[in-house]
Protein backbone atom coordinates (compact mmCIF):
# COMPACT_ATOMS: atom_id res chain seq x y z
CA MET A 1 -38.79 -52.31 -97.83
CA ARG A 2 -39.79 -55.37 -95.92
CA GLN A 3 -36.92 -55.16 -93.56
CA PHE A 4 -37.89 -51.58 -92.61
CA ARG A 5 -41.56 -52.76 -92.22
CA ASP A 6 -40.46 -55.46 -90.06
CA LEU A 7 -38.09 -53.20 -88.05
CA LEU A 8 -41.29 -50.64 -87.49
CA VAL A 9 -43.32 -53.91 -86.24
CA SER A 10 -40.74 -54.94 -83.72
CA TRP A 11 -40.97 -51.34 -82.21
CA GLY A 12 -44.53 -52.05 -81.62
CA PRO A 13 -46.63 -48.84 -81.21
CA LEU A 14 -43.64 -46.47 -81.49
CA GLY A 15 -43.24 -48.11 -84.89
CA ILE A 16 -46.65 -47.08 -86.45
CA PHE A 17 -45.88 -43.63 -85.10
CA VAL A 18 -42.64 -43.46 -86.80
CA LEU A 19 -44.10 -44.84 -90.31
CA ALA A 20 -47.05 -42.48 -89.93
CA ALA A 21 -44.87 -39.43 -89.79
CA VAL A 22 -42.39 -40.48 -92.36
CA GLU A 23 -45.33 -41.46 -94.94
CA SER A 24 -47.08 -38.22 -94.09
CA ALA A 25 -44.15 -35.92 -94.53
CA GLY A 26 -44.02 -36.90 -97.98
CA ILE A 27 -42.04 -40.29 -98.57
CA PRO A 28 -44.76 -42.55 -100.56
CA ASN A 29 -45.89 -45.64 -98.95
CA PRO A 30 -49.42 -45.74 -99.90
CA GLY A 31 -51.33 -47.52 -97.38
CA GLY A 32 -48.49 -48.60 -95.05
CA THR A 33 -49.77 -46.69 -91.98
CA ASP A 34 -53.05 -48.45 -92.70
CA ALA A 35 -51.21 -51.74 -93.21
CA LEU A 36 -49.01 -51.50 -89.99
CA LEU A 37 -51.61 -50.45 -87.71
CA LEU A 38 -53.60 -53.68 -88.51
CA VAL A 39 -50.60 -55.97 -88.34
CA LEU A 40 -49.81 -54.51 -85.08
CA THR A 41 -53.43 -54.50 -83.57
CA ILE A 42 -53.76 -57.96 -84.72
CA ALA A 43 -50.74 -59.00 -82.84
CA ARG A 44 -51.33 -56.81 -79.83
CA PRO A 45 -55.37 -56.00 -79.57
CA GLU A 46 -54.44 -54.54 -76.17
CA ASN A 47 -52.44 -52.09 -77.95
CA ALA A 48 -55.22 -50.93 -80.21
CA ALA A 49 -56.11 -47.59 -78.99
CA LEU A 50 -52.36 -46.62 -78.06
CA CYS A 51 -51.28 -47.41 -81.86
CA ALA A 52 -54.61 -45.38 -83.19
CA VAL A 53 -53.51 -42.28 -81.05
CA LEU A 54 -49.72 -42.90 -82.14
CA ALA A 55 -50.81 -43.00 -85.82
CA THR A 56 -52.82 -40.13 -85.80
CA LEU A 57 -50.06 -38.11 -83.84
CA GLY A 58 -47.47 -38.98 -86.37
CA SER A 59 -49.68 -38.51 -89.18
CA LEU A 60 -50.22 -34.91 -87.84
CA ILE A 61 -46.72 -34.24 -87.38
CA GLY A 62 -45.44 -35.41 -90.83
CA THR A 63 -48.24 -33.94 -92.82
CA ALA A 64 -47.63 -30.46 -90.93
CA ILE A 65 -44.15 -30.84 -92.40
CA PHE A 66 -45.52 -31.58 -95.55
CA PHE A 67 -48.31 -28.65 -95.51
CA GLU A 68 -45.34 -26.18 -94.21
CA ILE A 69 -43.21 -27.35 -97.40
CA ALA A 70 -45.80 -26.64 -99.89
CA ARG A 71 -46.83 -23.33 -98.05
CA LYS A 72 -43.04 -22.17 -98.64
CA GLY A 73 -43.00 -23.30 -102.27
CA GLY A 74 -46.57 -21.92 -102.80
CA GLU A 75 -46.53 -20.42 -106.45
CA TRP A 76 -43.72 -22.54 -107.71
CA TYR A 77 -45.64 -25.74 -106.37
CA LEU A 78 -48.84 -24.69 -108.11
CA ILE A 79 -46.59 -23.44 -111.72
CA ARG A 80 -44.72 -26.87 -111.76
CA TYR A 81 -47.10 -29.54 -110.37
CA THR A 82 -50.85 -28.34 -111.09
CA SER A 83 -50.41 -26.62 -114.65
CA SER A 84 -51.65 -29.55 -116.45
CA GLY A 85 -52.82 -33.11 -116.42
CA ARG A 86 -53.97 -34.89 -113.19
CA GLY A 87 -52.62 -31.73 -111.02
CA ALA A 88 -54.67 -29.12 -112.90
CA ARG A 89 -57.73 -31.35 -112.09
CA PHE A 90 -56.48 -31.94 -108.52
CA ARG A 91 -56.31 -28.12 -108.47
CA ALA A 92 -59.37 -27.50 -109.91
CA TRP A 93 -61.17 -29.65 -107.23
CA PHE A 94 -59.31 -27.91 -104.35
CA LEU A 95 -60.61 -24.61 -105.90
CA ARG A 96 -63.89 -25.92 -106.04
CA TYR A 97 -64.46 -27.86 -102.92
CA GLY A 98 -61.87 -26.60 -100.69
CA LEU A 99 -60.98 -28.27 -97.54
CA VAL A 100 -63.97 -31.22 -98.25
CA THR A 101 -61.11 -32.76 -100.64
CA VAL A 102 -58.71 -32.90 -97.73
CA PHE A 103 -61.43 -34.53 -95.21
CA ILE A 104 -62.52 -37.29 -97.91
CA SER A 105 -58.83 -38.10 -98.75
CA THR A 106 -57.80 -38.08 -95.14
CA LEU A 107 -60.89 -40.34 -94.09
CA LEU A 108 -60.80 -42.76 -96.99
CA PRO A 109 -57.88 -44.08 -98.72
CA ILE A 110 -59.37 -43.83 -102.58
CA PRO A 111 -56.78 -43.59 -105.13
CA ILE A 112 -58.72 -41.44 -107.18
CA LEU A 113 -58.28 -38.55 -104.20
CA PRO A 114 -54.77 -38.39 -103.48
CA PHE A 115 -54.43 -37.19 -100.04
CA LYS A 116 -50.75 -35.40 -100.58
CA ALA A 117 -52.09 -33.55 -103.63
CA PHE A 118 -54.73 -31.75 -101.85
CA ALA A 119 -52.66 -31.17 -98.89
CA ALA A 120 -50.00 -29.62 -101.06
CA CYS A 121 -52.58 -27.30 -102.79
CA ALA A 122 -53.82 -26.01 -99.13
CA GLY A 123 -50.48 -25.53 -98.14
CA ALA A 124 -49.94 -23.50 -101.52
CA MET A 125 -52.85 -21.74 -101.53
CA GLY A 126 -52.85 -20.38 -98.10
CA VAL A 127 -55.17 -22.10 -96.13
CA THR A 128 -54.39 -21.15 -92.42
CA ARG A 129 -52.65 -24.15 -90.82
CA THR A 130 -54.94 -24.55 -87.86
CA ARG A 131 -58.05 -25.23 -90.16
CA PHE A 132 -55.76 -27.55 -92.21
CA LEU A 133 -54.68 -29.68 -89.30
CA LEU A 134 -58.29 -29.63 -87.66
CA VAL A 135 -59.62 -31.31 -90.84
CA LEU A 136 -56.59 -33.65 -90.90
CA LEU A 137 -57.81 -34.88 -87.39
CA ALA A 138 -61.26 -34.87 -88.24
CA GLY A 139 -60.61 -37.85 -90.86
CA ARG A 140 -57.60 -39.42 -89.47
CA ILE A 141 -59.19 -40.29 -85.76
CA PRO A 142 -62.14 -41.90 -86.92
CA ARG A 143 -60.25 -43.76 -89.74
CA TYR A 144 -57.55 -44.77 -87.55
CA GLY A 145 -59.65 -45.53 -84.68
CA ALA A 146 -61.82 -47.84 -87.04
CA LEU A 147 -58.80 -49.73 -88.34
CA ALA A 148 -57.56 -50.29 -84.72
CA TYR A 149 -61.07 -51.61 -83.80
CA LEU A 150 -61.11 -53.83 -86.58
CA GLY A 151 -57.79 -55.40 -86.17
CA ALA A 152 -58.31 -55.81 -82.50
CA LYS A 153 -62.02 -57.51 -82.89
CA LEU A 154 -61.56 -59.45 -86.18
CA GLY A 155 -58.00 -60.12 -86.03
CA GLU A 156 -56.84 -61.85 -89.14
CA GLY A 157 -60.16 -61.01 -90.68
CA SER A 158 -60.08 -57.77 -91.03
CA THR A 159 -58.19 -57.30 -94.24
CA GLY A 160 -60.61 -59.87 -95.65
CA TRP A 161 -63.42 -57.66 -94.30
CA LEU A 162 -62.15 -54.30 -95.81
CA LYS A 163 -61.65 -55.88 -99.15
CA SER A 164 -65.29 -57.39 -99.22
CA HIS A 165 -66.82 -53.81 -98.11
CA ALA A 166 -64.53 -51.59 -100.37
CA TRP A 167 -67.46 -50.42 -102.44
CA HIS A 168 -69.82 -49.86 -99.36
CA MET A 169 -66.95 -47.43 -98.19
CA THR A 170 -66.67 -45.57 -101.63
CA ALA A 171 -70.21 -45.08 -101.54
CA ILE A 172 -70.13 -43.84 -97.95
CA ALA A 173 -66.98 -41.54 -99.15
CA VAL A 174 -69.27 -40.14 -102.25
CA VAL A 175 -72.53 -39.58 -100.13
CA LEU A 176 -70.37 -37.69 -97.44
CA PHE A 177 -68.53 -35.63 -100.23
CA VAL A 178 -71.74 -34.43 -101.40
CA LEU A 179 -73.18 -33.82 -98.07
CA LEU A 180 -70.02 -31.81 -97.18
CA TYR A 181 -69.83 -30.27 -100.56
CA GLY A 182 -73.71 -28.69 -99.93
CA LEU A 183 -72.75 -27.51 -96.37
CA VAL A 184 -69.90 -25.74 -97.45
CA ARG A 185 -72.16 -24.35 -100.07
CA TRP A 186 -74.70 -23.44 -97.82
CA ALA A 187 -72.45 -21.86 -95.39
CA ASP A 188 -70.96 -19.66 -98.21
CA ARG A 189 -74.28 -18.65 -99.31
CA ASN A 190 -75.59 -17.55 -95.88
CA ARG A 191 -72.14 -15.90 -95.15
CA ILE A 192 -72.33 -13.62 -98.25
CA GLN A 193 -76.04 -12.46 -97.46
């Protein structure tokens, strides 16, 4: 795996695009895109914006592939992976909170909110492609933009800053989740009336 990472680093911005696409298409590498984005922007701060854009594009393409696979698998996926345990809990969360779960897990890498589970539920449960991809962009653009900015501005201190502010980011995610959930509920109530 280290050789693969070193190869991607040597590719520069193209490497972040490839990793984001591969990781988002379903090959697990938790935090790989985030880490590579930081490494690349620390090494070459002048490429920060390009790296953020390519990470977002790669994620968009890879996730679109994953979404289509989940969409084609539909009911089979739901029965196999969400009938018990954690899968059932993620499915219930998605049914209750909808695309808010996708947005929060796209924006912040919180282990208890795995993005792939919610993306698969969205595809299997028939969420429109356009709505799903817009929510994905709404989360990925600020996430990758912020990481690229941190790498370019703080350099080697970026990872330390992220570790020291992990609880702050979690608190922001919880507040954002509550606000978005309230907004979704309010919009649903007004649409029914």
